[in-house]
Amino acid sequence: MGVSNLYSLPYLGMKDGLHKYQFTVGNDFFAAFEHSPIEQGDFEINLEVDKRGYLSEFVFDISGKAKSVCDRCLSDIQLPVTGNYVLHSKLSTKEVEDDEIISIQPDQSHLDLSQYIYEMICLSLPLTNVYDCENEMPRICDDAVLTKLACNDNAKEADKPDTNVWQNLKGLIEDN
């Protein structure tokens, strides 16, 4: 069974009103997409669909964890990822040129959400792979790397000459 079959909704047979769905996304899901920034991860997607005639609103609530390398200490971490997104759909025979509106053909029986879910998870990834892991037991941070980085920062501070530009300029003005 392909990824698109697992993450599709029976849109044509759906009655008007509010509908709730829940999807789980794992490693097989990310393997289906080439060059995915996530190789291993577990996510839960709660979806609310508000179908109203020719227009529908999809509200995605994404939460989960992705395996990554910490940008601070280089340890393997389970990076927490969350996101909320809204997508709209419109029944139309013409293709709609908008990123937030899906064009659905009137005879389309199912709506494949796999690409949208993938993109929303990727957009939810933080820019830096760091999170507050101080309260985790056992502590996953690599203390040896953090100590080495702290030593390098202290050495850079010690190597800086103690020159204050403003004091030097102030001395020039007072001399005149």
Protein backbone atom coordinates (compact mmCIF):
# COMPACT_ATOMS: atom_id res chain seq x y z
CA MET A 1 0.00 0.00 0.00
CA GLY A 2 1.49 3.34 -1.05
CA VAL A 3 1.84 6.47 1.01
CA SER A 4 -0.90 8.24 -0.92
CA ASN A 5 -3.44 5.54 0.00
CA LEU A 6 -2.74 5.89 3.72
CA TYR A 7 -3.14 9.67 3.81
CA SER A 8 -6.13 10.25 1.57
CA LEU A 9 -9.63 11.30 2.50
CA PRO A 10 -12.87 10.11 0.86
CA TYR A 11 -13.74 13.66 -0.13
CA LEU A 12 -16.59 13.03 -2.59
CA GLY A 13 -18.63 11.00 -0.07
CA MET A 14 -17.96 13.34 2.84
CA LYS A 15 -21.03 15.14 4.16
CA ASP A 16 -21.02 18.84 4.97
CA GLY A 17 -19.93 19.63 8.51
CA LEU A 18 -16.97 19.08 10.80
CA HIS A 19 -14.93 15.88 10.47
CA LYS A 20 -11.91 14.82 12.54
CA TYR A 21 -9.09 12.53 11.41
CA GLN A 22 -5.87 11.37 12.97
CA PHE A 23 -2.79 10.20 11.09
CA THR A 24 0.51 8.81 12.29
CA VAL A 25 3.65 9.37 10.27
CA GLY A 26 6.77 7.25 10.62
CA ASN A 27 10.01 6.35 8.88
CA ASP A 28 8.29 4.68 5.90
CA PHE A 29 6.47 7.91 5.14
CA PHE A 30 9.69 9.95 4.89
CA ALA A 31 11.41 7.22 2.85
CA ALA A 32 8.77 7.74 0.13
CA PHE A 33 10.07 11.29 -0.52
CA GLU A 34 13.40 11.88 -2.23
CA HIS A 35 15.99 14.00 -0.41
CA SER A 36 13.88 14.25 2.71
CA PRO A 37 15.50 16.27 5.52
CA ILE A 38 13.96 13.75 7.95
CA GLU A 39 15.06 10.14 7.77
CA GLN A 40 13.60 8.96 11.07
CA GLY A 41 10.71 10.49 12.91
CA ASP A 42 7.38 9.84 14.58
CA PHE A 43 4.60 12.36 14.14
CA GLU A 44 0.93 12.60 14.93
CA ILE A 45 -1.30 14.73 12.74
CA ASN A 46 -4.72 15.75 13.99
CA LEU A 47 -6.84 17.03 11.14
CA GLU A 48 -10.16 18.85 11.31
CA VAL A 49 -12.04 19.21 8.05
CA ASP A 50 -14.89 21.70 7.88
CA LYS A 51 -16.68 20.89 4.64
CA ARG A 52 -19.14 23.54 3.45
CA GLY A 53 -20.54 23.05 -0.03
CA TYR A 54 -17.91 24.10 -2.54
CA LEU A 55 -15.39 25.32 0.06
CA SER A 56 -13.62 23.39 2.80
CA GLU A 57 -11.13 24.24 5.50
CA PHE A 58 -8.42 21.82 6.68
CA VAL A 59 -6.77 22.55 10.04
CA PHE A 60 -3.62 20.50 10.66
CA ASP A 61 -2.12 20.14 14.15
CA ILE A 62 1.28 18.47 13.89
CA SER A 63 3.37 17.19 16.80
CA GLY A 64 6.19 14.71 17.02
CA LYS A 65 9.90 14.13 17.10
CA ALA A 66 12.56 13.81 14.42
CA LYS A 67 15.92 12.13 14.88
CA SER A 68 18.67 14.69 14.40
CA VAL A 69 22.13 15.73 15.50
CA CYS A 70 22.32 18.52 18.08
CA ASP A 71 23.91 21.66 16.66
CA ARG A 72 25.32 22.50 20.08
CA CYS A 73 26.96 19.26 21.28
CA LEU A 74 26.72 16.90 18.25
CA SER A 75 24.76 14.22 20.16
CA ASP A 76 21.94 12.26 18.57
CA ILE A 77 18.68 13.81 19.75
CA GLN A 78 14.95 13.43 19.28
CA LEU A 79 14.11 16.97 18.17
CA PRO A 80 10.58 18.05 19.17
CA VAL A 81 8.60 19.45 16.24
CA THR A 82 5.18 21.12 16.35
CA GLY A 83 3.13 23.13 13.90
CA ASN A 84 -0.36 24.34 13.06
CA TYR A 85 -1.46 24.98 9.50
CA VAL A 86 -4.67 25.86 7.69
CA LEU A 87 -5.40 24.84 4.12
CA HIS A 88 -8.51 25.66 2.09
CA SER A 89 -10.05 23.76 -0.77
CA LYS A 90 -12.42 24.76 -3.52
CA LEU A 91 -14.42 22.60 -5.88
CA SER A 92 -13.49 23.82 -9.34
CA THR A 93 -12.86 22.52 -12.82
CA LYS A 94 -10.06 25.08 -13.22
CA GLU A 95 -6.71 24.88 -11.39
CA VAL A 96 -6.42 27.54 -8.66
CA GLU A 97 -3.09 29.43 -8.60
CA ASP A 98 -2.67 29.78 -4.82
CA ASP A 99 -0.47 27.96 -2.31
CA GLU A 100 -3.11 27.93 0.42
CA ILE A 101 -6.05 26.79 -1.73
CA ILE A 102 -6.38 23.29 -3.15
CA SER A 103 -8.39 22.90 -6.32
CA ILE A 104 -10.57 19.78 -6.20
CA GLN A 105 -12.27 18.43 -9.29
CA PRO A 106 -16.03 17.82 -8.76
CA ASP A 107 -15.63 14.14 -9.74
CA GLN A 108 -12.51 13.55 -7.58
CA SER A 109 -13.40 10.80 -5.08
CA HIS A 110 -10.35 11.00 -2.79
CA LEU A 111 -8.05 13.80 -1.71
CA ASP A 112 -4.39 12.78 -1.23
CA LEU A 113 -2.89 14.77 1.66
CA SER A 114 0.52 13.04 1.83
CA GLN A 115 2.43 15.80 -0.01
CA TYR A 116 0.81 18.52 2.11
CA ILE A 117 1.55 16.65 5.35
CA TYR A 118 5.18 16.15 4.27
CA GLU A 119 5.64 19.83 3.42
CA MET A 120 4.02 20.99 6.66
CA ILE A 121 6.28 18.75 8.75
CA CYS A 122 9.34 20.01 6.88
CA LEU A 123 8.24 23.61 7.39
CA SER A 124 7.82 22.93 11.11
CA LEU A 125 11.46 21.90 11.55
CA PRO A 126 13.41 24.48 13.57
CA LEU A 127 16.29 26.34 11.93
CA THR A 128 18.72 25.11 14.57
CA ASN A 129 18.67 21.58 15.92
CA VAL A 130 18.79 22.57 19.58
CA TYR A 131 16.25 22.28 22.37
CA ASP A 132 16.21 22.53 26.15
CA CYS A 133 17.44 19.08 27.14
CA GLU A 134 18.67 20.00 30.63
CA ASN A 135 15.77 18.25 32.39
CA GLU A 136 16.07 14.94 30.52
CA MET A 137 17.21 11.86 32.40
CA PRO A 138 19.61 10.47 31.38
CA ARG A 139 21.19 13.65 30.10
CA ILE A 140 21.93 13.29 26.39
CA CYS A 141 24.27 16.26 25.95
CA ASP A 142 27.90 15.45 25.18
CA ASP A 143 29.59 17.27 28.07
CA ALA A 144 33.07 16.76 26.60
CA VAL A 145 32.14 18.75 23.48
CA LEU A 146 30.41 21.47 25.52
CA THR A 147 33.47 21.79 27.80
CA LYS A 148 35.79 22.05 24.80
CA LEU A 149 33.58 24.77 23.28
CA ALA A 150 33.52 26.68 26.57
CA CYS A 151 37.34 26.51 26.77
CA ASN A 152 37.64 27.86 23.23
CA ASP A 153 35.28 30.74 24.05
CA ASN A 154 37.28 31.61 27.17
CA ALA A 155 40.54 31.48 25.21
CA LYS A 156 39.14 33.88 22.60
CA GLU A 157 38.09 36.30 25.35
CA ALA A 158 41.56 36.13 26.92
CA ASP A 159 43.25 36.76 23.55
CA LYS A 160 41.27 39.96 22.94
CA PRO A 161 43.31 43.07 23.64
CA ASP A 162 41.69 45.31 26.22
CA THR A 163 41.25 48.32 24.00
CA ASN A 164 38.33 50.59 24.42
CA VAL A 165 37.96 52.77 21.34
CA TRP A 166 35.90 55.37 23.15
CA GLN A 167 38.47 55.81 25.89
CA ASN A 168 41.20 56.35 23.28
CA LEU A 169 39.09 58.95 21.50
CA LYS A 170 38.26 60.65 24.77
CA GLY A 171 41.98 60.95 25.47
CA LEU A 172 42.53 62.67 22.12
CA ILE A 173 39.87 65.28 22.84
CA GLU A 174 41.21 66.04 26.35
CA ASP A 175 44.76 66.51 25.03
CA ASN A 176 43.71 69.44 22.83
